[in-house]
Protein backbone atom coordinates (compact mmCIF):
# COMPACT_ATOMS: atom_id res chain seq x y z
CA UNK A 1 -30.07 30.45 12.57
CA UNK A 2 -31.37 26.00 12.36
CA UNK A 3 -28.58 23.81 11.85
CA UNK A 4 -28.57 21.78 8.82
CA UNK A 5 -27.72 18.37 9.40
CA UNK A 6 -27.01 15.90 12.76
CA UNK A 7 -25.77 12.86 13.25
CA UNK A 8 -27.85 10.40 14.87
CA UNK A 9 -25.10 7.88 16.31
CA UNK A 10 -27.88 6.81 19.00
CA UNK A 11 -29.72 4.61 17.01
CA UNK A 12 -26.95 3.18 15.29
CA UNK A 13 -26.63 -0.47 16.07
CA UNK A 14 -23.26 -1.57 17.43
CA UNK A 15 -21.87 -4.64 15.57
CA UNK A 16 -20.35 -6.40 17.80
CA UNK A 17 -20.40 -10.04 18.91
CA UNK A 18 -24.16 -9.63 20.65
CA UNK A 19 -27.14 -11.28 17.94
CA UNK A 20 -28.02 -8.19 15.92
CA UNK A 21 -31.68 -8.92 15.94
CA UNK A 22 -31.43 -8.63 19.43
CA UNK A 23 -29.87 -4.99 19.30
CA UNK A 24 -32.69 -4.05 16.99
CA UNK A 25 -35.24 -5.18 19.08
CA UNK A 26 -34.01 -3.26 22.14
CA UNK A 27 -33.71 -0.43 19.79
CA UNK A 28 -37.35 -0.98 18.34
CA UNK A 29 -38.76 -1.05 21.93
CA UNK A 30 -37.34 2.16 23.67
CA UNK A 31 -39.32 4.80 23.19
CA UNK A 32 -36.51 7.33 23.86
CA UNK A 33 -34.78 6.71 20.51
CA UNK A 34 -38.14 7.16 18.72
CA UNK A 35 -38.39 10.49 20.72
CA UNK A 36 -35.30 11.56 19.77
CA UNK A 37 -35.66 10.76 16.10
CA UNK A 38 -38.73 12.68 16.00
CA UNK A 39 -37.07 15.72 17.76
CA UNK A 40 -34.71 16.13 15.69
CA UNK A 41 -37.13 15.53 12.38
CA UNK A 42 -38.49 18.99 14.00
CA UNK A 43 -35.54 20.71 14.71
CA UNK A 44 -33.12 20.05 11.64
CA UNK A 45 -32.92 19.48 8.00
CA UNK A 46 -31.35 16.42 7.67
CA UNK A 47 -30.83 13.52 9.83
CA UNK A 48 -27.68 11.48 9.51
CA UNK A 49 -27.43 7.69 10.91
CA UNK A 50 -24.33 5.71 10.86
CA UNK A 51 -24.17 2.42 9.94
CA UNK A 52 -22.41 -0.78 8.66
CA UNK A 53 -24.88 -3.11 7.64
CA UNK A 54 -28.34 -0.94 7.39
CA UNK A 55 -29.59 -2.98 10.26
CA UNK A 56 -31.38 0.18 11.62
CA UNK A 57 -33.57 -0.15 8.05
CA UNK A 58 -36.46 -2.51 9.61
CA UNK A 59 -36.39 -0.49 12.91
CA UNK A 60 -37.14 2.98 11.12
CA UNK A 61 -39.46 1.55 8.62
CA UNK A 62 -41.53 0.07 12.11
CA UNK A 63 -41.44 3.78 13.70
CA UNK A 64 -42.77 5.83 10.23
CA UNK A 65 -44.21 3.32 8.20
CA UNK A 66 -42.74 2.68 4.84
CA UNK A 67 -44.55 5.37 2.88
CA UNK A 68 -43.29 7.81 5.56
CA UNK A 69 -39.76 5.95 5.44
CA UNK A 70 -39.97 6.43 1.48
CA UNK A 71 -41.00 10.02 1.44
CA UNK A 72 -38.35 11.20 4.29
CA UNK A 73 -35.50 9.54 2.00
CA UNK A 74 -37.05 11.12 -0.94
CA UNK A 75 -36.85 14.29 0.25
CA UNK A 76 -33.45 13.81 1.47
CA UNK A 77 -34.37 14.58 5.42
CA UNK A 78 -32.79 10.97 6.12
CA UNK A 79 -29.37 10.01 5.12
CA UNK A 80 -26.88 6.88 5.94
CA UNK A 81 -23.41 7.50 6.39
CA UNK A 82 -22.20 3.66 5.95
CA UNK A 83 -19.12 2.28 7.04
CA UNK A 84 -17.04 -0.63 5.76
CA UNK A 85 -15.26 -1.47 9.04
CA UNK A 86 -16.05 -2.06 12.30
CA UNK A 87 -13.55 -0.32 15.59
CA UNK A 88 -12.63 -2.77 17.80
CA UNK A 89 -10.45 -3.57 20.53
CA UNK A 90 -7.67 -5.76 19.33
CA UNK A 91 -6.50 -6.87 23.14
CA UNK A 92 -3.18 -7.80 24.27
CA UNK A 93 -1.94 -4.19 24.39
CA UNK A 94 -2.35 -3.84 20.65
CA UNK A 95 -5.59 -1.29 21.44
CA UNK A 96 -8.64 0.00 18.89
CA UNK A 97 -8.30 -0.78 15.73
CA UNK A 98 -10.65 -0.87 12.45
CA UNK A 99 -11.60 -4.32 11.36
CA UNK A 100 -13.43 -6.34 8.39
CA UNK A 101 -15.30 -9.52 8.54
CA UNK A 102 -14.05 -11.67 5.31
CA UNK A 103 -14.48 -15.23 4.17
CA UNK A 104 -11.40 -17.19 4.84
CA UNK A 105 -9.46 -19.44 2.19
CA UNK A 106 -11.09 -22.73 3.97
CA UNK A 107 -14.30 -21.08 5.34
CA UNK A 108 -16.56 -19.34 3.22
CA UNK A 109 -19.90 -17.59 4.27
CA UNK A 110 -22.92 -19.75 4.01
CA UNK A 111 -25.62 -17.46 3.43
């Protein structure tokens, strides 16, 4: 019996202190990730991709083309799970925890 859906966490650009476009470029240029996604489209009805900021979308549109990307979204073959927080190590014995990045009282986002 075929499986209905799979979560593909391998193409989840991890949020970290690295430069985000660098992580996306690494994903874009790695043929293994593209091949894995193509295989999953053949084996599963739906692929679910975890995301924090939808940073994978430009990579997916380059791999599939914009019209094919719209098609897989419309037929519900590709969906996303979005989290509003990130998992990180707090240090000093605090261990792992969820955190968010927000504007402060003295510093605001410039974008």
